[in-house]
Structures are given as C-alpha cells and as structure tokens.
C-alpha atoms as a PDB file:
ATOM      1  CA  UNK A   1      45.607  83.790  95.188  1.00  0.00           C
ATOM      2  CA  UNK A   2      43.238  85.843  97.360  1.00  0.00           C
ATOM      3  CA  UNK A   3      42.555  89.551  97.456  1.00  0.00           C
ATOM      4  CA  UNK A   4      45.120  91.917  98.957  1.00  0.00           C
ATOM      5  CA  UNK A   5      44.255  92.960 102.526  1.00  0.00           C
ATOM      6  CA  UNK A   6      43.237  96.466 101.428  1.00  0.00           C
ATOM      7  CA  UNK A   7      41.529  98.017  98.410  1.00  0.00           C
ATOM      8  CA  UNK A   8      44.877  99.337  97.136  1.00  0.00           C
ATOM      9  CA  UNK A   9      46.541  97.996  94.019  1.00  0.00           C
ATOM     10  CA  UNK A  10      48.897  95.086  94.495  1.00  0.00           C
ATOM     11  CA  UNK A  11      52.504  96.354  94.697  1.00  0.00           C
ATOM     12  CA  UNK A  12      51.670  99.869  95.869  1.00  0.00           C
ATOM     13  CA  UNK A  13      52.517 101.272  99.267  1.00  0.00           C
ATOM     14  CA  UNK A  14      50.275 101.274 102.299  1.00  0.00           C
ATOM     15  CA  UNK A  15      49.088 104.617 103.627  1.00  0.00           C
ATOM     16  CA  UNK A  16      51.016 105.927 106.624  1.00  0.00           C
ATOM     17  CA  UNK A  17      48.054 106.604 108.934  1.00  0.00           C
ATOM     18  CA  UNK A  18      46.616 103.069 109.330  1.00  0.00           C
ATOM     19  CA  UNK A  19      50.112 101.769 110.051  1.00  0.00           C
ATOM     20  CA  UNK A  20      50.821 104.602 112.522  1.00  0.00           C
ATOM     21  CA  UNK A  21      47.583 103.837 114.337  1.00  0.00           C
ATOM     22  CA  UNK A  22      48.483 100.140 114.648  1.00  0.00           C
ATOM     23  CA  UNK A  23      52.003 101.056 115.761  1.00  0.00           C
ATOM     24  CA  UNK A  24      50.691 103.444 118.453  1.00  0.00           C
ATOM     25  CA  UNK A  25      48.341 100.754 119.759  1.00  0.00           C
ATOM     26  CA  UNK A  26      51.110  98.134 119.884  1.00  0.00           C
ATOM     27  CA  UNK A  27      53.506 100.632 121.504  1.00  0.00           C
ATOM     28  CA  UNK A  28      50.940 101.397 124.219  1.00  0.00           C
ATOM     29  CA  UNK A  29      50.272  97.693 124.871  1.00  0.00           C
ATOM     30  CA  UNK A  30      54.010  97.008 125.123  1.00  0.00           C
ATOM     31  CA  UNK A  31      54.435 100.050 127.430  1.00  0.00           C
ATOM     32  CA  UNK A  32      57.047 101.579 125.137  1.00  0.00           C
ATOM     33  CA  UNK A  33      57.570 105.337 125.678  1.00  0.00           C
ATOM     34  CA  UNK A  34      55.720 107.750 123.391  1.00  0.00           C
ATOM     35  CA  UNK A  35      59.039 109.155 122.168  1.00  0.00           C
ATOM     36  CA  UNK A  36      59.413 105.937 120.135  1.00  0.00           C
ATOM     37  CA  UNK A  37      57.485 106.753 116.990  1.00  0.00           C
ATOM     38  CA  UNK A  38      56.850 104.929 113.736  1.00  0.00           C
ATOM     39  CA  UNK A  39      59.415 107.080 111.969  1.00  0.00           C
ATOM     40  CA  UNK A  40      62.168 105.926 114.349  1.00  0.00           C
ATOM     41  CA  UNK A  41      61.075 102.316 113.847  1.00  0.00           C
ATOM     42  CA  UNK A  42      61.413 102.825 110.074  1.00  0.00           C
ATOM     43  CA  UNK A  43      64.969 104.137 110.528  1.00  0.00           C
ATOM     44  CA  UNK A  44      65.873 101.238 112.812  1.00  0.00           C
ATOM     45  CA  UNK A  45      64.410  98.735 110.344  1.00  0.00           C
ATOM     46  CA  UNK A  46      66.370 100.251 107.465  1.00  0.00           C
ATOM     47  CA  UNK A  47      69.623 100.272 109.418  1.00  0.00           C
ATOM     48  CA  UNK A  48      69.123  96.683 110.584  1.00  0.00           C
ATOM     49  CA  UNK A  49      68.373  95.497 107.045  1.00  0.00           C
ATOM     50  CA  UNK A  50      71.493  97.229 105.724  1.00  0.00           C
ATOM     51  CA  UNK A  51      73.609  95.665 108.490  1.00  0.00           C
ATOM     52  CA  UNK A  52      72.207  92.233 107.659  1.00  0.00           C
ATOM     53  CA  UNK A  53      72.290  92.429 103.861  1.00  0.00           C
ATOM     54  CA  UNK A  54      74.862  95.099 103.029  1.00  0.00           C
ATOM     55  CA  UNK A  55      72.626  95.968 100.082  1.00  0.00           C
ATOM     56  CA  UNK A  56      71.425  99.589 100.104  1.00  0.00           C
ATOM     57  CA  UNK A  57      69.490  99.100  96.856  1.00  0.00           C
ATOM     58  CA  UNK A  58      67.453  96.272  98.369  1.00  0.00           C
ATOM     59  CA  UNK A  59      66.790  98.326 101.515  1.00  0.00           C
ATOM     60  CA  UNK A  60      65.661 101.243  99.341  1.00  0.00           C
ATOM     61  CA  UNK A  61      63.224  98.982  97.525  1.00  0.00           C
ATOM     62  CA  UNK A  62      61.866  97.697 100.838  1.00  0.00           C
ATOM     63  CA  UNK A  63      61.290 101.304 101.918  1.00  0.00           C
ATOM     64  CA  UNK A  64      59.726 102.226  98.577  1.00  0.00           C
ATOM     65  CA  UNK A  65      62.397 104.734  97.586  1.00  0.00           C
ATOM     66  CA  UNK A  66      63.114 105.597  93.976  1.00  0.00           C
ATOM     67  CA  UNK A  67      66.645 106.805  94.717  1.00  0.00           C
ATOM     68  CA  UNK A  68      69.489 105.393  96.796  1.00  0.00           C
ATOM     69  CA  UNK A  69      70.176 108.965  97.907  1.00  0.00           C
ATOM     70  CA  UNK A  70      66.840 108.991  99.720  1.00  0.00           C
ATOM     71  CA  UNK A  71      67.649 105.683 101.417  1.00  0.00           C
ATOM     72  CA  UNK A  72      71.008 106.987 102.642  1.00  0.00           C
ATOM     73  CA  UNK A  73      69.219 109.600 104.764  1.00  0.00           C
ATOM     74  CA  UNK A  74      67.404 106.865 106.672  1.00  0.00           C
ATOM     75  CA  UNK A  75      70.438 104.912 107.689  1.00  0.00           C
ATOM     76  CA  UNK A  76      72.272 105.221 110.987  1.00  0.00           C
ATOM     77  CA  UNK A  77      75.666 103.588 110.557  1.00  0.00           C
ATOM     78  CA  UNK A  78      76.895 101.914 113.682  1.00  0.00           C
ATOM     79  CA  UNK A  79      79.742 103.881 115.237  1.00  0.00           C
ATOM     80  CA  UNK A  80      81.695 100.712 115.994  1.00  0.00           C
ATOM     81  CA  UNK A  81      81.501  99.746 112.318  1.00  0.00           C
ATOM     82  CA  UNK A  82      82.773 103.168 111.300  1.00  0.00           C
ATOM     83  CA  UNK A  83      85.586 102.970 113.849  1.00  0.00           C
ATOM     84  CA  UNK A  84      86.577  99.537 112.530  1.00  0.00           C
ATOM     85  CA  UNK A  85      86.668 100.834 108.954  1.00  0.00           C
ATOM     86  CA  UNK A  86      88.818 103.800 109.957  1.00  0.00           C
ATOM     87  CA  UNK A  87      91.179 101.549 111.921  1.00  0.00           C
ATOM     88  CA  UNK A  88      91.504  99.139 108.994  1.00  0.00           C
ATOM     89  CA  UNK A  89      92.263 102.021 106.646  1.00  0.00           C
ATOM     90  CA  UNK A  90      94.839 103.460 109.040  1.00  0.00           C
ATOM     91  CA  UNK A  91      96.536 100.081 109.421  1.00  0.00           C
ATOM     92  CA  UNK A  92      96.738  99.710 105.651  1.00  0.00           C
ATOM     93  CA  UNK A  93      98.197 103.210 105.332  1.00  0.00           C
ATOM     94  CA  UNK A  94     100.715 102.522 108.102  1.00  0.00           C
ATOM     95  CA  UNK A  95     101.785  99.311 106.353  1.00  0.00           C
ATOM     96  CA  UNK A  96     102.171 101.185 103.056  1.00  0.00           C
ATOM     97  CA  UNK A  97     104.260 103.895 104.756  1.00  0.00           C
ATOM     98  CA  UNK A  98     106.549 101.297 106.365  1.00  0.00           C
ATOM     99  CA  UNK A  99     106.981  99.526 103.036  1.00  0.00           C
ATOM    100  CA  UNK A 100     107.804 102.815 101.280  1.00  0.00           C
ATOM    101  CA  UNK A 101     110.300 103.724 103.998  1.00  0.00           C
ATOM    102  CA  UNK A 102     111.975 100.316 103.697  1.00  0.00           C
ATOM    103  CA  UNK A 103     112.254 100.679  99.896  1.00  0.00           C
ATOM    104  CA  UNK A 104     113.755 104.136 100.343  1.00  0.00           C
ATOM    105  CA  UNK A 105     116.301 102.845 102.885  1.00  0.00           C
ATOM    106  CA  UNK A 106     117.250  99.900 100.662  1.00  0.00           C
ATOM    107  CA  UNK A 107     117.713 102.160  97.655  1.00  0.00           C
ATOM    108  CA  UNK A 108     120.035 104.483  99.610  1.00  0.00           C
ATOM    109  CA  UNK A 109     122.006 101.624 101.159  1.00  0.00           C
ATOM    110  CA  UNK A 110     122.595 100.106  97.674  1.00  0.00           C
ATOM    111  CA  UNK A 111     123.731 103.509  96.372  1.00  0.00           C
ATOM    112  CA  UNK A 112     126.173 103.798  99.281  1.00  0.00           C
ATOM    113  CA  UNK A 113     127.593 100.318  98.580  1.00  0.00           C
ATOM    114  CA  UNK A 114     127.852 100.864  94.794  1.00  0.00           C
ATOM    115  CA  UNK A 115     129.082 104.458  95.042  1.00  0.00           C
END
C-alpha cells in the first residue's frame, strides 16, 4: 500500500485548517452562502449518518470522539422522528389505559353477578 496523503500517522485525525480551507474553496465555487461553515457540515454529516445507521457509537468513531456523550452534542434529531416516537408512545399508553379500564369493568361486573 502507498503512503498516506499527508505526513501524519496512519489512523490519526486530519488537522482542521487544511480541511476548512478546502471546504471554503468548494463552498465559494458552489456559490453556497458563507453562513454555511465546516462545523455545520460536520453536524449535518453526523446526523445523516445516525439516521442511516442508527448507530451512535459508529458515528462517534467516524467523528473521532472518545465518548458517546460528545457525539450526542453533534446530533440534530429530526423533529418528525421525535414526533413519531412521541405519538407511538402515546398510542401504546392509550391502549394500556383502555385495557386496564376494561379489566376493571370486567372485575366489577363479575362481582355484581356473583354478589
């Protein structure tokens, strides 16, 4: 196998500044507004990878984090996904409440018949 593209050790992280310079050049060529910075691209990448893989540990490794806690700060959960989770939870709770109410009614109707 050939040499790595930079004088850094294989498996270590690339310095921020060369990447930022390349990103700024590409952003300018693509006529993307200056408010879109490398940091926001990193967040978007992390969120997209989590959406695609569902594996926060893998995403953390891709970002070079030592802790999952650090990775969690980078992620922007999709609001629709959160809303779906809340709705699913509420539906489950509603079903449980109806089942409990039915059990309670059946218990009291049996007591009325027996008593």
